[in-house]
Amino acid sequence: IIATAPSMLPSGSRGYLDGGQLEHLCMSPGSDDNGALGLCLGYLAGSMDQLLAGASSAPTRALSVCPPSEVTVEQLRLLVVAHLRVHPRDRASAAASVVEKVVAGAYPCPLFGS
């Protein structure tokens, strides 16, 4: 017997969360729903770890993001929420792709030789 759980994936999404779901989780810092904020911050921290670990595990692969070491997860949350307000179409994209796009735009890696 194979048991299946209903999919948590939005229809047409290629990830666990889409940008709209991430925005909803990340927009509640002052509300009574600290669980949503915790999920948001955990998702952002995990996404950043994945972006940075992917490059370190493949030394020939160039980094797509170069955030300064002092950037906080709260700063990332503010960047993602602001981006999704200005670019509502990204709400339908996979949340991990949105995080990478936002962080790469805010903290691009310097070009070699520049």
C-alpha atoms as a PDB file:
ATOM      1  CA  ILE A   1       0.000   0.000   0.000  1.00  0.00           C
ATOM      2  CA  ILE A   2       1.339   3.406  -0.939  1.00  0.00           C
ATOM      3  CA  ALA A   3      -0.037   6.343   0.992  1.00  0.00           C
ATOM      4  CA  THR A   4       0.045   9.755  -0.554  1.00  0.00           C
ATOM      5  CA  ALA A   5      -0.468  13.121   1.046  1.00  0.00           C
ATOM      6  CA  PRO A   6      -2.126  15.952  -0.792  1.00  0.00           C
ATOM      7  CA  SER A   7       0.433  18.052  -2.569  1.00  0.00           C
ATOM      8  CA  MET A   8       1.544  21.236  -0.877  1.00  0.00           C
ATOM      9  CA  LEU A   9       2.675  22.518  -4.265  1.00  0.00           C
ATOM     10  CA  PRO A  10       0.642  25.206  -5.957  1.00  0.00           C
ATOM     11  CA  SER A  11      -0.594  24.081  -9.365  1.00  0.00           C
ATOM     12  CA  GLY A  12       1.996  24.882 -12.002  1.00  0.00           C
ATOM     13  CA  SER A  13       4.718  25.641  -9.443  1.00  0.00           C
ATOM     14  CA  ARG A  14       8.152  24.064  -9.571  1.00  0.00           C
ATOM     15  CA  GLY A  15       8.962  24.259  -5.909  1.00  0.00           C
ATOM     16  CA  TYR A  16       7.654  23.700  -2.429  1.00  0.00           C
ATOM     17  CA  LEU A  17       6.453  27.299  -2.085  1.00  0.00           C
ATOM     18  CA  ASP A  18       5.688  29.925  -4.667  1.00  0.00           C
ATOM     19  CA  GLY A  19       6.544  33.600  -4.331  1.00  0.00           C
ATOM     20  CA  GLY A  20       3.038  34.538  -3.217  1.00  0.00           C
ATOM     21  CA  GLN A  21       3.090  32.007  -0.388  1.00  0.00           C
ATOM     22  CA  LEU A  22       6.525  33.202   0.710  1.00  0.00           C
ATOM     23  CA  GLU A  23       5.314  36.812   0.621  1.00  0.00           C
ATOM     24  CA  HIS A  24       2.348  35.901   2.810  1.00  0.00           C
ATOM     25  CA  LEU A  25       4.617  34.178   5.350  1.00  0.00           C
ATOM     26  CA  CYS A  26       7.097  37.053   5.341  1.00  0.00           C
ATOM     27  CA  MET A  27       4.588  39.894   5.699  1.00  0.00           C
ATOM     28  CA  SER A  28       3.492  39.065   9.244  1.00  0.00           C
ATOM     29  CA  PRO A  29       6.346  40.165  11.538  1.00  0.00           C
ATOM     30  CA  GLY A  30       4.167  42.228  13.857  1.00  0.00           C
ATOM     31  CA  SER A  31       1.149  39.941  13.898  1.00  0.00           C
ATOM     32  CA  ASP A  32       0.196  37.213  16.321  1.00  0.00           C
ATOM     33  CA  ASP A  33       1.339  34.608  13.801  1.00  0.00           C
ATOM     34  CA  ASN A  34       5.001  34.226  14.747  1.00  0.00           C
ATOM     35  CA  GLY A  35       4.893  30.731  13.248  1.00  0.00           C
ATOM     36  CA  ALA A  36       4.573  32.244   9.773  1.00  0.00           C
ATOM     37  CA  LEU A  37       7.472  34.604  10.399  1.00  0.00           C
ATOM     38  CA  GLY A  38       9.598  31.707  11.643  1.00  0.00           C
ATOM     39  CA  LEU A  39       8.813  29.737   8.487  1.00  0.00           C
ATOM     40  CA  CYS A  40       9.695  32.765   6.370  1.00  0.00           C
ATOM     41  CA  LEU A  41      13.025  33.383   8.075  1.00  0.00           C
ATOM     42  CA  GLY A  42      13.893  29.682   8.053  1.00  0.00           C
ATOM     43  CA  TYR A  43      13.053  29.418   4.352  1.00  0.00           C
ATOM     44  CA  LEU A  44      15.210  32.445   3.540  1.00  0.00           C
ATOM     45  CA  ALA A  45      18.148  31.174   5.614  1.00  0.00           C
ATOM     46  CA  GLY A  46      17.900  27.750   3.984  1.00  0.00           C
ATOM     47  CA  SER A  47      17.669  29.251   0.516  1.00  0.00           C
ATOM     48  CA  MET A  48      20.784  31.346   1.127  1.00  0.00           C
ATOM     49  CA  ASP A  49      22.663  28.340   2.511  1.00  0.00           C
ATOM     50  CA  GLN A  50      21.717  26.369  -0.600  1.00  0.00           C
ATOM     51  CA  LEU A  51      22.829  29.141  -2.961  1.00  0.00           C
ATOM     52  CA  LEU A  52      26.174  29.532  -1.205  1.00  0.00           C
ATOM     53  CA  ALA A  53      26.755  25.801  -0.606  1.00  0.00           C
ATOM     54  CA  GLY A  54      26.046  24.966  -4.234  1.00  0.00           C
ATOM     55  CA  ALA A  55      28.945  27.115  -5.352  1.00  0.00           C
ATOM     56  CA  SER A  56      31.324  25.938  -2.628  1.00  0.00           C
ATOM     57  CA  SER A  57      30.693  22.278  -3.471  1.00  0.00           C
ATOM     58  CA  ALA A  58      31.540  22.923  -7.129  1.00  0.00           C
ATOM     59  CA  PRO A  59      34.613  25.195  -7.112  1.00  0.00           C
ATOM     60  CA  THR A  60      34.472  25.734 -10.863  1.00  0.00           C
ATOM     61  CA  ARG A  61      30.934  27.089 -10.621  1.00  0.00           C
ATOM     62  CA  ALA A  62      30.744  30.838 -10.224  1.00  0.00           C
ATOM     63  CA  LEU A  63      28.700  32.261  -7.380  1.00  0.00           C
ATOM     64  CA  SER A  64      25.425  33.816  -8.466  1.00  0.00           C
ATOM     65  CA  VAL A  65      25.129  35.827  -5.251  1.00  0.00           C
ATOM     66  CA  CYS A  66      27.718  37.566  -3.082  1.00  0.00           C
ATOM     67  CA  PRO A  67      25.988  38.954  -0.004  1.00  0.00           C
ATOM     68  CA  PRO A  68      28.224  40.621   2.575  1.00  0.00           C
ATOM     69  CA  SER A  69      28.710  38.540   5.711  1.00  0.00           C
ATOM     70  CA  GLU A  70      26.827  41.061   7.858  1.00  0.00           C
ATOM     71  CA  VAL A  71      23.533  40.714   5.943  1.00  0.00           C
ATOM     72  CA  THR A  72      20.802  39.437   8.248  1.00  0.00           C
ATOM     73  CA  VAL A  73      17.888  37.196   7.420  1.00  0.00           C
ATOM     74  CA  GLU A  74      15.608  40.081   8.423  1.00  0.00           C
ATOM     75  CA  GLN A  75      17.240  42.248   5.747  1.00  0.00           C
ATOM     76  CA  LEU A  76      16.646  39.469   3.209  1.00  0.00           C
ATOM     77  CA  ARG A  77      13.000  39.309   4.303  1.00  0.00           C
ATOM     78  CA  LEU A  78      12.572  43.039   3.674  1.00  0.00           C
ATOM     79  CA  LEU A  79      14.220  42.745   0.235  1.00  0.00           C
ATOM     80  CA  VAL A  80      12.002  39.825  -0.811  1.00  0.00           C
ATOM     81  CA  VAL A  81       8.768  41.482   0.367  1.00  0.00           C
ATOM     82  CA  ALA A  82       9.676  44.762  -1.375  1.00  0.00           C
ATOM     83  CA  HIS A  83      10.548  42.908  -4.585  1.00  0.00           C
ATOM     84  CA  LEU A  84       7.270  40.980  -4.626  1.00  0.00           C
ATOM     85  CA  ARG A  85       5.261  44.175  -4.105  1.00  0.00           C
ATOM     86  CA  VAL A  86       6.952  45.793  -7.118  1.00  0.00           C
ATOM     87  CA  HIS A  87       7.009  42.607  -9.251  1.00  0.00           C
ATOM     88  CA  PRO A  88       3.698  40.829  -8.548  1.00  0.00           C
ATOM     89  CA  ARG A  89       4.215  38.411 -11.448  1.00  0.00           C
ATOM     90  CA  ASP A  90       7.033  36.796  -9.463  1.00  0.00           C
ATOM     91  CA  ARG A  91       4.426  35.605  -6.943  1.00  0.00           C
ATOM     92  CA  ALA A  92       3.706  32.726  -9.324  1.00  0.00           C
ATOM     93  CA  SER A  93       7.378  31.692  -9.542  1.00  0.00           C
ATOM     94  CA  ALA A  94       9.040  29.172  -7.273  1.00  0.00           C
ATOM     95  CA  ALA A  95       9.983  30.922  -4.027  1.00  0.00           C
ATOM     96  CA  ALA A  96      13.592  29.695  -4.216  1.00  0.00           C
ATOM     97  CA  SER A  97      13.938  31.310  -7.645  1.00  0.00           C
ATOM     98  CA  VAL A  98      12.526  34.562  -6.291  1.00  0.00           C
ATOM     99  CA  VAL A  99      15.036  34.534  -3.414  1.00  0.00           C
ATOM    100  CA  GLU A 100      17.935  33.951  -5.803  1.00  0.00           C
ATOM    101  CA  LYS A 101      16.735  36.707  -8.157  1.00  0.00           C
ATOM    102  CA  VAL A 102      16.318  39.202  -5.313  1.00  0.00           C
ATOM    103  CA  VAL A 103      19.654  38.439  -3.664  1.00  0.00           C
ATOM    104  CA  ALA A 104      21.550  38.386  -6.977  1.00  0.00           C
ATOM    105  CA  GLY A 105      20.085  41.791  -7.807  1.00  0.00           C
ATOM    106  CA  ALA A 106      20.910  43.260  -4.413  1.00  0.00           C
ATOM    107  CA  TYR A 107      24.298  41.590  -3.966  1.00  0.00           C
ATOM    108  CA  PRO A 108      25.782  40.726  -7.364  1.00  0.00           C
ATOM    109  CA  CYS A 109      29.198  39.142  -7.486  1.00  0.00           C
ATOM    110  CA  PRO A 110      31.993  41.294  -8.855  1.00  0.00           C
ATOM    111  CA  LEU A 111      33.181  40.409 -12.308  1.00  0.00           C
ATOM    112  CA  PHE A 112      36.630  38.885 -12.504  1.00  0.00           C
ATOM    113  CA  GLY A 113      39.238  41.439 -13.508  1.00  0.00           C
ATOM    114  CA  SER A 114      37.180  44.448 -12.396  1.00  0.00           C
END
